[in-house]
PDB file of all heavy atoms in Angstrom:
ATOM      1  N   TYR A   1      54.761  65.379   9.768  1.00  0.00           N
ATOM      2  CA  TYR A   1      53.760  65.559  10.783  1.00  0.00           C
ATOM      3  C   TYR A   1      54.396  66.150  12.037  1.00  0.00           C
ATOM      4  O   TYR A   1      55.434  65.703  12.495  1.00  0.00           O
ATOM      5  CB  TYR A   1      53.218  64.103  11.177  1.00  0.00           C
ATOM      6  CG  TYR A   1      52.859  63.342   9.967  1.00  0.00           C
ATOM      7  CD1 TYR A   1      53.692  62.391   9.408  1.00  0.00           C
ATOM      8  CD2 TYR A   1      51.558  63.581   9.334  1.00  0.00           C
ATOM      9  CE1 TYR A   1      53.324  61.693   8.314  1.00  0.00           C
ATOM     10  CE2 TYR A   1      51.234  62.843   8.223  1.00  0.00           C
ATOM     11  CZ  TYR A   1      52.106  61.926   7.681  1.00  0.00           C
ATOM     12  OH  TYR A   1      51.802  61.284   6.545  1.00  0.00           O
ATOM     13  N   ILE A   2      53.811  67.271  12.512  1.00  0.00           N
ATOM     14  CA  ILE A   2      54.401  68.034  13.648  1.00  0.00           C
ATOM     15  C   ILE A   2      53.276  68.483  14.579  1.00  0.00           C
ATOM     16  O   ILE A   2      52.413  69.210  14.246  1.00  0.00           O
ATOM     17  CB  ILE A   2      55.133  69.322  13.136  1.00  0.00           C
ATOM     18  CG1 ILE A   2      56.214  68.903  12.107  1.00  0.00           C
ATOM     19  CG2 ILE A   2      55.775  70.033  14.345  1.00  0.00           C
ATOM     20  CD1 ILE A   2      56.872  70.097  11.495  1.00  0.00           C
ATOM     21  N   PRO A   3      53.348  67.960  15.815  1.00  0.00           N
ATOM     22  CA  PRO A   3      52.407  68.534  16.796  1.00  0.00           C
ATOM     23  C   PRO A   3      53.060  69.791  17.498  1.00  0.00           C
ATOM     24  O   PRO A   3      54.189  69.710  17.814  1.00  0.00           O
ATOM     25  CB  PRO A   3      52.290  67.437  17.880  1.00  0.00           C
ATOM     26  CG  PRO A   3      53.668  66.677  17.738  1.00  0.00           C
ATOM     27  CD  PRO A   3      54.087  66.876  16.347  1.00  0.00           C
ATOM     28  N   THR A   4      52.311  70.792  17.579  1.00  0.00           N
ATOM     29  CA  THR A   4      52.843  72.019  18.193  1.00  0.00           C
ATOM     30  C   THR A   4      52.361  72.009  19.625  1.00  0.00           C
ATOM     31  O   THR A   4      51.477  71.344  20.089  1.00  0.00           O
ATOM     32  CB  THR A   4      52.308  73.340  17.536  1.00  0.00           C
ATOM     33  OG1 THR A   4      50.821  73.374  17.691  1.00  0.00           O
ATOM     34  CG2 THR A   4      52.621  73.318  16.012  1.00  0.00           C
ATOM     35  N   ALA A   5      53.089  72.830  20.443  1.00  0.00           N
ATOM     36  CA  ALA A   5      52.816  72.989  21.894  1.00  0.00           C
ATOM     37  C   ALA A   5      52.200  74.275  22.206  1.00  0.00           C
ATOM     38  O   ALA A   5      51.870  74.640  23.328  1.00  0.00           O
ATOM     39  CB  ALA A   5      54.017  72.756  22.735  1.00  0.00           C
ATOM     40  N   SER A   6      51.989  75.175  21.177  1.00  0.00           N
ATOM     41  CA  SER A   6      51.303  76.432  21.269  1.00  0.00           C
ATOM     42  C   SER A   6      50.597  76.636  19.985  1.00  0.00           C
ATOM     43  O   SER A   6      50.954  76.025  18.939  1.00  0.00           O
ATOM     44  CB  SER A   6      52.282  77.553  21.543  1.00  0.00           C
ATOM     45  OG  SER A   6      53.184  77.819  20.491  1.00  0.00           O
ATOM     46  N   GLY A   7      49.582  77.427  20.010  1.00  0.00           N
ATOM     47  CA  GLY A   7      48.681  77.537  18.842  1.00  0.00           C
ATOM     48  C   GLY A   7      49.082  78.421  17.714  1.00  0.00           C
ATOM     49  O   GLY A   7      48.836  78.076  16.539  1.00  0.00           O
ATOM     50  N   GLY A   8      49.928  79.385  17.906  1.00  0.00           N
ATOM     51  CA  GLY A   8      50.244  80.337  16.881  1.00  0.00           C
ATOM     52  C   GLY A   8      51.665  80.674  16.774  1.00  0.00           C
ATOM     53  O   GLY A   8      52.519  79.772  16.938  1.00  0.00           O
ATOM     54  N   GLY A   9      51.973  81.989  16.650  1.00  0.00           N
ATOM     55  CA  GLY A   9      53.354  82.417  16.466  1.00  0.00           C
ATOM     56  C   GLY A   9      54.131  82.563  17.808  1.00  0.00           C
ATOM     57  O   GLY A   9      55.217  83.032  17.791  1.00  0.00           O
ATOM     58  N   SER A  10      53.482  82.195  18.841  1.00  0.00           N
ATOM     59  CA  SER A  10      54.211  82.281  20.211  1.00  0.00           C
ATOM     60  C   SER A  10      54.805  80.908  20.654  1.00  0.00           C
ATOM     61  O   SER A  10      54.403  79.925  20.074  1.00  0.00           O
ATOM     62  CB  SER A  10      53.236  82.836  21.287  1.00  0.00           C
ATOM     63  OG  SER A  10      52.286  81.792  21.578  1.00  0.00           O
ATOM     64  N   ALA A  11      55.638  81.056  21.636  1.00  0.00           N
ATOM     65  CA  ALA A  11      56.233  79.799  22.183  1.00  0.00           C
ATOM     66  C   ALA A  11      55.712  79.616  23.664  1.00  0.00           C
ATOM     67  O   ALA A  11      56.500  79.153  24.488  1.00  0.00           O
ATOM     68  CB  ALA A  11      57.736  79.877  22.150  1.00  0.00           C
ATOM     69  N   ASP A  12      54.519  79.961  23.909  1.00  0.00           N
ATOM     70  CA  ASP A  12      54.010  79.996  25.262  1.00  0.00           C
ATOM     71  C   ASP A  12      53.792  78.596  25.925  1.00  0.00           C
ATOM     72  O   ASP A  12      53.696  78.453  27.113  1.00  0.00           O
ATOM     73  CB  ASP A  12      52.745  80.766  25.431  1.00  0.00           C
ATOM     74  CG  ASP A  12      51.541  80.231  24.656  1.00  0.00           C
ATOM     75  OD1 ASP A  12      51.664  79.212  23.975  1.00  0.00           O
ATOM     76  OD2 ASP A  12      50.503  80.816  24.741  1.00  0.00           O
ATOM     77  N   GLY A  13      53.694  77.498  25.085  1.00  0.00           N
ATOM     78  CA  GLY A  13      53.630  76.201  25.673  1.00  0.00           C
ATOM     79  C   GLY A  13      52.311  75.872  26.419  1.00  0.00           C
ATOM     80  O   GLY A  13      52.420  75.533  27.577  1.00  0.00           O
ATOM     81  N   SER A  14      51.215  75.997  25.818  1.00  0.00           N
ATOM     82  CA  SER A  14      49.954  75.704  26.444  1.00  0.00           C
ATOM     83  C   SER A  14      49.258  74.598  25.688  1.00  0.00           C
ATOM     84  O   SER A  14      49.310  73.391  26.034  1.00  0.00           O
ATOM     85  CB  SER A  14      49.110  76.907  26.549  1.00  0.00           C
ATOM     86  OG  SER A  14      48.957  77.454  25.265  1.00  0.00           O
ATOM     87  N   ASN A  15      48.608  74.920  24.597  1.00  0.00           N
ATOM     88  CA  ASN A  15      47.998  73.914  23.680  1.00  0.00           C
ATOM     89  C   ASN A  15      48.266  74.261  22.243  1.00  0.00           C
ATOM     90  O   ASN A  15      48.264  75.499  21.860  1.00  0.00           O
ATOM     91  CB  ASN A  15      46.459  73.927  23.911  1.00  0.00           C
ATOM     92  CG  ASN A  15      45.982  73.228  25.221  1.00  0.00           C
ATOM     93  OD1 ASN A  15      46.334  72.104  25.385  1.00  0.00           O
ATOM     94  ND2 ASN A  15      45.375  74.011  26.078  1.00  0.00           N
ATOM     95  N   GLY A  16      48.451  73.252  21.460  1.00  0.00           N
ATOM     96  CA  GLY A  16      48.725  73.466  20.079  1.00  0.00           C
ATOM     97  C   GLY A  16      47.861  72.479  19.219  1.00  0.00           C
ATOM     98  O   GLY A  16      46.765  72.078  19.662  1.00  0.00           O
ATOM     99  N   TYR A  17      48.356  72.118  18.068  1.00  0.00           N
ATOM    100  CA  TYR A  17      47.570  71.292  17.138  1.00  0.00           C
ATOM    101  C   TYR A  17      48.546  70.322  16.392  1.00  0.00           C
ATOM    102  O   TYR A  17      49.798  70.605  16.319  1.00  0.00           O
ATOM    103  CB  TYR A  17      46.967  72.222  16.039  1.00  0.00           C
ATOM    104  CG  TYR A  17      46.021  73.208  16.692  1.00  0.00           C
ATOM    105  CD1 TYR A  17      46.455  74.476  16.921  1.00  0.00           C
ATOM    106  CD2 TYR A  17      44.763  72.856  17.046  1.00  0.00           C
ATOM    107  CE1 TYR A  17      45.642  75.423  17.502  1.00  0.00           C
ATOM    108  CE2 TYR A  17      43.888  73.756  17.622  1.00  0.00           C
ATOM    109  CZ  TYR A  17      44.341  75.072  17.896  1.00  0.00           C
ATOM    110  OH  TYR A  17      43.509  75.980  18.430  1.00  0.00           O
ATOM    111  N   LEU A  18      47.914  69.264  15.873  1.00  0.00           N
ATOM    112  CA  LEU A  18      48.669  68.359  15.011  1.00  0.00           C
ATOM    113  C   LEU A  18      48.599  68.963  13.667  1.00  0.00           C
ATOM    114  O   LEU A  18      47.470  69.195  13.113  1.00  0.00           O
ATOM    115  CB  LEU A  18      48.098  66.960  15.027  1.00  0.00           C
ATOM    116  CG  LEU A  18      48.726  65.947  14.065  1.00  0.00           C
ATOM    117  CD1 LEU A  18      50.184  65.788  14.301  1.00  0.00           C
ATOM    118  CD2 LEU A  18      47.969  64.614  14.200  1.00  0.00           C
ATOM    119  N   ARG A  19      49.717  69.150  12.971  1.00  0.00           N
ATOM    120  CA  ARG A  19      49.782  69.755  11.604  1.00  0.00           C
ATOM    121  C   ARG A  19      50.454  68.813  10.646  1.00  0.00           C
ATOM    122  O   ARG A  19      51.434  68.174  11.002  1.00  0.00           O
ATOM    123  CB  ARG A  19      50.466  71.131  11.698  1.00  0.00           C
ATOM    124  CG  ARG A  19      49.806  72.054  12.666  1.00  0.00           C
ATOM    125  CD  ARG A  19      50.386  73.525  12.523  1.00  0.00           C
ATOM    126  NE  ARG A  19      50.052  74.349  13.589  1.00  0.00           N
ATOM    127  CZ  ARG A  19      48.973  75.117  13.635  1.00  0.00           C
ATOM    128  NH1 ARG A  19      48.076  75.077  12.730  1.00  0.00           N
ATOM    129  NH2 ARG A  19      48.750  75.913  14.642  1.00  0.00           N
ATOM    130  N   TYR A  20      49.919  68.765   9.437  1.00  0.00           N
ATOM    131  CA  TYR A  20      50.417  67.993   8.348  1.00  0.00           C
ATOM    132  C   TYR A  20      51.017  68.968   7.298  1.00  0.00           C
ATOM    133  O   TYR A  20      50.362  69.963   6.926  1.00  0.00           O
ATOM    134  CB  TYR A  20      49.318  67.209   7.694  1.00  0.00           C
ATOM    135  CG  TYR A  20      48.811  66.027   8.310  1.00  0.00           C
ATOM    136  CD1 TYR A  20      48.755  65.851   9.710  1.00  0.00           C
ATOM    137  CD2 TYR A  20      48.277  64.946   7.620  1.00  0.00           C
ATOM    138  CE1 TYR A  20      48.286  64.704  10.271  1.00  0.00           C
ATOM    139  CE2 TYR A  20      47.823  63.820   8.098  1.00  0.00           C
ATOM    140  CZ  TYR A  20      47.736  63.691   9.519  1.00  0.00           C
ATOM    141  OH  TYR A  20      47.282  62.542  10.092  1.00  0.00           O
ATOM    142  N   TYR A  21      52.099  68.661   6.807  1.00  0.00           N
ATOM    143  CA  TYR A  21      52.823  69.412   5.802  1.00  0.00           C
ATOM    144  C   TYR A  21      53.074  68.504   4.615  1.00  0.00           C
ATOM    145  O   TYR A  21      53.443  67.348   4.798  1.00  0.00           O
ATOM    146  CB  TYR A  21      54.114  70.041   6.285  1.00  0.00           C
ATOM    147  CG  TYR A  21      53.989  70.930   7.495  1.00  0.00           C
ATOM    148  CD1 TYR A  21      53.963  70.383   8.739  1.00  0.00           C
ATOM    149  CD2 TYR A  21      53.861  72.316   7.335  1.00  0.00           C
ATOM    150  CE1 TYR A  21      53.751  71.226   9.857  1.00  0.00           C
ATOM    151  CE2 TYR A  21      53.652  73.120   8.367  1.00  0.00           C
ATOM    152  CZ  TYR A  21      53.640  72.546   9.668  1.00  0.00           C
ATOM    153  OH  TYR A  21      53.468  73.371  10.733  1.00  0.00           O
ATOM    154  N   ARG A  22      52.924  69.020   3.398  1.00  0.00           N
ATOM    155  CA  ARG A  22      53.161  68.207   2.217  1.00  0.00           C
ATOM    156  C   ARG A  22      54.364  68.705   1.471  1.00  0.00           C
ATOM    157  O   ARG A  22      54.523  69.940   1.319  1.00  0.00           O
ATOM    158  CB  ARG A  22      51.915  68.312   1.271  1.00  0.00           C
ATOM    159  CG  ARG A  22      52.189  67.529  -0.006  1.00  0.00           C
ATOM    160  CD  ARG A  22      51.102  66.673  -0.383  1.00  0.00           C
ATOM    161  NE  ARG A  22      51.500  65.761  -1.401  1.00  0.00           N
ATOM    162  CZ  ARG A  22      50.694  65.153  -2.206  1.00  0.00           C
ATOM    163  NH1 ARG A  22      49.470  65.395  -2.140  1.00  0.00           N
ATOM    164  NH2 ARG A  22      51.235  64.442  -3.170  1.00  0.00           N
ATOM    165  N   TYR A  23      55.152  67.756   1.027  1.00  0.00           N
ATOM    166  CA  TYR A  23      56.360  68.081   0.265  1.00  0.00           C
ATOM    167  C   TYR A  23      55.945  68.453  -1.162  1.00  0.00           C
ATOM    168  O   TYR A  23      55.036  67.859  -1.747  1.00  0.00           O
ATOM    169  CB  TYR A  23      57.321  66.875   0.266  1.00  0.00           C
ATOM    170  CG  TYR A  23      58.505  67.008  -0.654  1.00  0.00           C
ATOM    171  CD1 TYR A  23      59.537  67.790  -0.272  1.00  0.00           C
ATOM    172  CD2 TYR A  23      58.451  66.516  -1.920  1.00  0.00           C
ATOM    173  CE1 TYR A  23      60.672  68.021  -1.091  1.00  0.00           C
ATOM    174  CE2 TYR A  23      59.567  66.719  -2.802  1.00  0.00           C
ATOM    175  CZ  TYR A  23      60.623  67.417  -2.367  1.00  0.00           C
ATOM    176  OH  TYR A  23      61.692  67.593  -3.217  1.00  0.00           O
ATOM    177  N   GLY A  24      56.666  69.384  -1.757  1.00  0.00           N
ATOM    178  CA  GLY A  24      56.385  69.728  -3.154  1.00  0.00           C
ATOM    179  C   GLY A  24      57.563  70.509  -3.718  1.00  0.00           C
ATOM    180  O   GLY A  24      58.578  70.757  -3.066  1.00  0.00           O
ATOM    181  N   LEU A  25      57.418  71.023  -4.915  1.00  0.00           N
ATOM    182  CA  LEU A  25      58.364  71.871  -5.565  1.00  0.00           C
ATOM    183  C   LEU A  25      57.661  73.176  -5.975  1.00  0.00           C
ATOM    184  O   LEU A  25      56.505  73.197  -6.351  1.00  0.00           O
ATOM    185  CB  LEU A  25      58.899  71.227  -6.807  1.00  0.00           C
ATOM    186  CG  LEU A  25      59.608  69.861  -6.672  1.00  0.00           C
ATOM    187  CD1 LEU A  25      59.968  69.206  -7.972  1.00  0.00           C
ATOM    188  CD2 LEU A  25      60.877  70.064  -5.781  1.00  0.00           C
ATOM    189  N   ASP A  26      58.402  74.289  -5.873  1.00  0.00           N
ATOM    190  CA  ASP A  26      57.862  75.554  -6.210  1.00  0.00           C
ATOM    191  C   ASP A  26      58.032  75.698  -7.743  1.00  0.00           C
ATOM    192  O   ASP A  26      58.534  74.839  -8.431  1.00  0.00           O
ATOM    193  CB  ASP A  26      58.473  76.739  -5.445  1.00  0.00           C
ATOM    194  CG  ASP A  26      59.915  76.962  -5.731  1.00  0.00           C
ATOM    195  OD1 ASP A  26      60.435  76.482  -6.745  1.00  0.00           O
ATOM    196  OD2 ASP A  26      60.545  77.794  -5.019  1.00  0.00           O
ATOM    197  N   GLY A  27      57.617  76.876  -8.257  1.00  0.00           N
ATOM    198  CA  GLY A  27      57.711  77.116  -9.706  1.00  0.00           C
ATOM    199  C   GLY A  27      59.090  77.041 -10.274  1.00  0.00           C
ATOM    200  O   GLY A  27      59.227  76.853 -11.540  1.00  0.00           O
ATOM    201  N   ASN A  28      60.116  77.201  -9.457  1.00  0.00           N
ATOM    202  CA  ASN A  28      61.487  77.112  -9.902  1.00  0.00           C
ATOM    203  C   ASN A  28      62.117  75.768  -9.698  1.00  0.00           C
ATOM    204  O   ASN A  28      63.304  75.545  -9.838  1.00  0.00           O
ATOM    205  CB  ASN A  28      62.332  78.171  -9.196  1.00  0.00           C
ATOM    206  CG  ASN A  28      61.891  79.537  -9.583  1.00  0.00           C
ATOM    207  OD1 ASN A  28      61.542  79.842 -10.720  1.00  0.00           O
ATOM    208  ND2 ASN A  28      61.834  80.438  -8.522  1.00  0.00           N
ATOM    209  N   GLY A  29      61.331  74.806  -9.166  1.00  0.00           N
ATOM    210  CA  GLY A  29      61.828  73.427  -8.911  1.00  0.00           C
ATOM    211  C   GLY A  29      62.535  73.274  -7.668  1.00  0.00           C
ATOM    212  O   GLY A  29      63.143  72.299  -7.366  1.00  0.00           O
ATOM    213  N   LYS A  30      62.370  74.277  -6.739  1.00  0.00           N
ATOM    214  CA  LYS A  30      62.999  74.251  -5.385  1.00  0.00           C
ATOM    215  C   LYS A  30      62.041  73.539  -4.442  1.00  0.00           C
ATOM    216  O   LYS A  30      60.821  73.813  -4.386  1.00  0.00           O
ATOM    217  CB  LYS A  30      63.260  75.693  -4.944  1.00  0.00           C
ATOM    218  CG  LYS A  30      63.983  75.877  -3.665  1.00  0.00           C
ATOM    219  CD  LYS A  30      64.193  77.327  -3.392  1.00  0.00           C
ATOM    220  CE  LYS A  30      64.811  77.526  -1.997  1.00  0.00           C
ATOM    221  NZ  LYS A  30      64.982  78.956  -1.721  1.00  0.00           N
ATOM    222  N   PRO A  31      62.602  72.690  -3.629  1.00  0.00           N
ATOM    223  CA  PRO A  31      61.776  71.926  -2.619  1.00  0.00           C
ATOM    224  C   PRO A  31      61.127  72.829  -1.615  1.00  0.00           C
ATOM    225  O   PRO A  31      61.708  73.801  -1.173  1.00  0.00           O
ATOM    226  CB  PRO A  31      62.791  70.989  -1.879  1.00  0.00           C
ATOM    227  CG  PRO A  31      63.966  70.897  -2.803  1.00  0.00           C
ATOM    228  CD  PRO A  31      64.055  72.156  -3.556  1.00  0.00           C
ATOM    229  N   THR A  32      59.890  72.526  -1.238  1.00  0.00           N
ATOM    230  CA  THR A  32      59.137  73.287  -0.369  1.00  0.00           C
ATOM    231  C   THR A  32      58.270  72.353   0.506  1.00  0.00           C
ATOM    232  O   THR A  32      58.030  71.216   0.165  1.00  0.00           O
ATOM    233  CB  THR A  32      58.143  74.332  -1.028  1.00  0.00           C
ATOM    234  OG1 THR A  32      57.143  73.589  -1.834  1.00  0.00           O
ATOM    235  CG2 THR A  32      58.904  75.247  -1.949  1.00  0.00           C
ATOM    236  N   LEU A  33      57.768  72.867   1.605  1.00  0.00           N
ATOM    237  CA  LEU A  33      56.726  72.268   2.385  1.00  0.00           C
ATOM    238  C   LEU A  33      55.579  73.200   2.462  1.00  0.00           C
ATOM    239  O   LEU A  33      55.751  74.417   2.520  1.00  0.00           O
ATOM    240  CB  LEU A  33      57.175  71.974   3.802  1.00  0.00           C
ATOM    241  CG  LEU A  33      58.295  70.798   4.010  1.00  0.00           C
ATOM    242  CD1 LEU A  33      58.758  70.780   5.398  1.00  0.00           C
ATOM    243  CD2 LEU A  33      57.637  69.512   3.544  1.00  0.00           C
ATOM    244  N   ALA A  34      54.339  72.697   2.474  1.00  0.00           N
ATOM    245  CA  ALA A  34      53.110  73.470   2.581  1.00  0.00           C
ATOM    246  C   ALA A  34      52.248  72.873   3.666  1.00  0.00           C
ATOM    247  O   ALA A  34      52.089  71.762   3.709  1.00  0.00           O
ATOM    248  CB  ALA A  34      52.446  73.514   1.279  1.00  0.00           C
TER     249      ALA A  34
END
């Protein structure tokens, strides 16, 4: 769980969102987050 402080690809520090990422494995068995 990660709250951002900006909405997109910038680091402007205004408003962001609470984002959830799920742990998993890719097709080669390598750990990933989505």
